Amino acid sequence: MNSFLIPANSKKSLLLFSRFTPVDLGVFAGGLIVSFALLLILPVEELMFAIIAISPGCICSFLVFPIPNYHNVMTFIRIVFNFYTTRQHFVWKGWCFSSGSKDEK
């Protein structure tokens, strides 16, 4: 019996800080850098400018937030987008043996 057990955390060694891919880390760092730059440039005494200044960091942090059964929110959004934008082909075989195509006999 040649069966091997793969540990549950075997893929975590491929990630940076056991949580981020290089793209995720780039998105997160880019959002924080843009937010920091906007905090330096905009007058943050007004509430609207403060919200505008911190929104890139908040959005990027939300995108790389881990969720169960997926890597993170960005991966989940990409999977949902691909599901709804690609053509889905479902063959209902019903009660018959073949699906109706001639090449299937």
Protein backbone atom coordinates (compact mmCIF):
# COMPACT_ATOMS: atom_id res chain seq x y z
CA MET A 1 0.00 0.00 0.00
CA ASN A 2 1.81 3.09 -1.28
CA SER A 3 -0.32 5.95 -0.05
CA PHE A 4 1.16 9.13 1.30
CA LEU A 5 -0.47 11.67 3.52
CA ILE A 6 -0.04 15.29 2.45
CA PRO A 7 -0.01 17.73 5.36
CA ALA A 8 -2.74 20.36 5.36
CA ASN A 9 -0.26 23.24 5.48
CA SER A 10 2.02 22.08 2.64
CA LYS A 11 1.05 25.01 0.37
CA LYS A 12 1.72 27.63 3.07
CA SER A 13 5.47 27.26 2.54
CA LEU A 14 5.02 28.67 -0.99
CA LEU A 15 3.41 31.86 0.35
CA LEU A 16 5.12 34.95 1.73
CA PHE A 17 4.50 35.29 5.49
CA SER A 18 2.40 32.08 5.11
CA ARG A 19 -0.48 34.19 3.78
CA PHE A 20 0.40 36.26 0.68
CA THR A 21 1.35 35.51 -2.89
CA PRO A 22 3.68 38.07 -4.49
CA VAL A 23 0.71 39.65 -6.31
CA ASP A 24 -1.27 39.92 -3.06
CA LEU A 25 1.65 41.52 -1.29
CA GLY A 26 2.09 43.96 -4.18
CA VAL A 27 -1.59 44.96 -4.11
CA PHE A 28 -1.52 45.39 -0.33
CA ALA A 29 1.74 47.38 -0.31
CA GLY A 30 0.61 49.51 -3.26
CA GLY A 31 -2.65 50.41 -1.53
CA LEU A 32 -0.86 51.36 1.66
CA ILE A 33 1.70 53.47 -0.21
CA VAL A 34 -1.02 55.32 -2.12
CA SER A 35 -2.96 55.92 1.10
CA PHE A 36 0.14 57.22 2.85
CA ALA A 37 0.92 59.54 -0.07
CA LEU A 38 -2.65 60.85 -0.09
CA LEU A 39 -2.48 61.47 3.65
CA LEU A 40 0.59 63.63 3.07
CA ILE A 41 -0.89 65.52 0.09
CA LEU A 42 -4.55 66.09 1.01
CA PRO A 43 -5.76 68.28 3.86
CA VAL A 44 -7.10 65.57 6.17
CA GLU A 45 -8.70 67.99 8.62
CA GLU A 46 -11.89 67.65 6.57
CA LEU A 47 -13.70 64.34 6.86
CA MET A 48 -14.26 63.87 3.13
CA PHE A 49 -10.56 64.24 2.30
CA ALA A 50 -9.63 61.87 5.13
CA ILE A 51 -12.01 59.22 3.78
CA ILE A 52 -10.62 59.66 0.27
CA ALA A 53 -7.07 59.39 1.60
CA ILE A 54 -7.54 56.13 3.51
CA SER A 55 -9.87 54.40 1.03
CA PRO A 56 -7.12 52.83 -1.20
CA GLY A 57 -5.53 51.15 1.81
CA CYS A 58 -8.91 49.91 3.09
CA ILE A 59 -9.93 48.55 -0.31
CA CYS A 60 -6.61 46.76 -0.85
CA SER A 61 -6.71 45.35 2.68
CA PHE A 62 -10.20 44.01 1.99
CA LEU A 63 -9.04 42.38 -1.25
CA VAL A 64 -6.23 40.40 0.39
CA PHE A 65 -8.31 39.41 3.46
CA PRO A 66 -8.37 35.58 3.71
CA ILE A 67 -11.70 33.78 3.51
CA PRO A 68 -12.46 30.06 4.01
CA ASN A 69 -12.35 27.71 0.99
CA TYR A 70 -10.64 30.38 -1.12
CA HIS A 71 -7.27 32.08 -0.86
CA ASN A 72 -8.63 35.59 -0.34
CA VAL A 73 -11.41 37.94 -1.43
CA MET A 74 -9.60 38.86 -4.67
CA THR A 75 -9.45 35.18 -5.68
CA PHE A 76 -13.14 34.72 -4.84
CA ILE A 77 -14.12 37.76 -6.95
CA ARG A 78 -12.05 36.46 -9.88
CA ILE A 79 -13.69 33.01 -9.68
CA VAL A 80 -17.21 34.50 -9.53
CA PHE A 81 -16.41 36.83 -12.45
CA ASN A 82 -15.11 33.94 -14.57
CA PHE A 83 -18.17 31.86 -13.72
CA TYR A 84 -20.63 34.55 -14.83
CA THR A 85 -18.70 35.74 -17.90
CA THR A 86 -17.75 32.41 -19.48
CA ARG A 87 -20.25 30.32 -21.34
CA GLN A 88 -21.61 27.51 -19.25
CA HIS A 89 -22.54 24.31 -21.07
CA PHE A 90 -24.68 21.92 -19.09
CA VAL A 91 -25.85 18.72 -20.73
CA TRP A 92 -28.98 17.26 -19.21
CA LYS A 93 -29.06 13.60 -20.01
CA GLY A 94 -32.47 13.04 -18.54
CA TRP A 95 -33.80 9.53 -18.55
CA CYS A 96 -32.25 8.52 -21.86
CA PHE A 97 -28.95 6.79 -22.38
CA SER A 98 -27.40 9.29 -24.81
CA SER A 99 -27.42 13.07 -24.82
CA GLY A 100 -28.70 13.22 -28.39
CA SER A 101 -25.40 13.78 -30.19
CA LYS A 102 -24.57 11.42 -33.04
CA ASP A 103 -20.98 10.78 -32.03
CA GLU A 104 -22.00 9.40 -28.64
CA LYS A 105 -23.16 5.79 -29.05
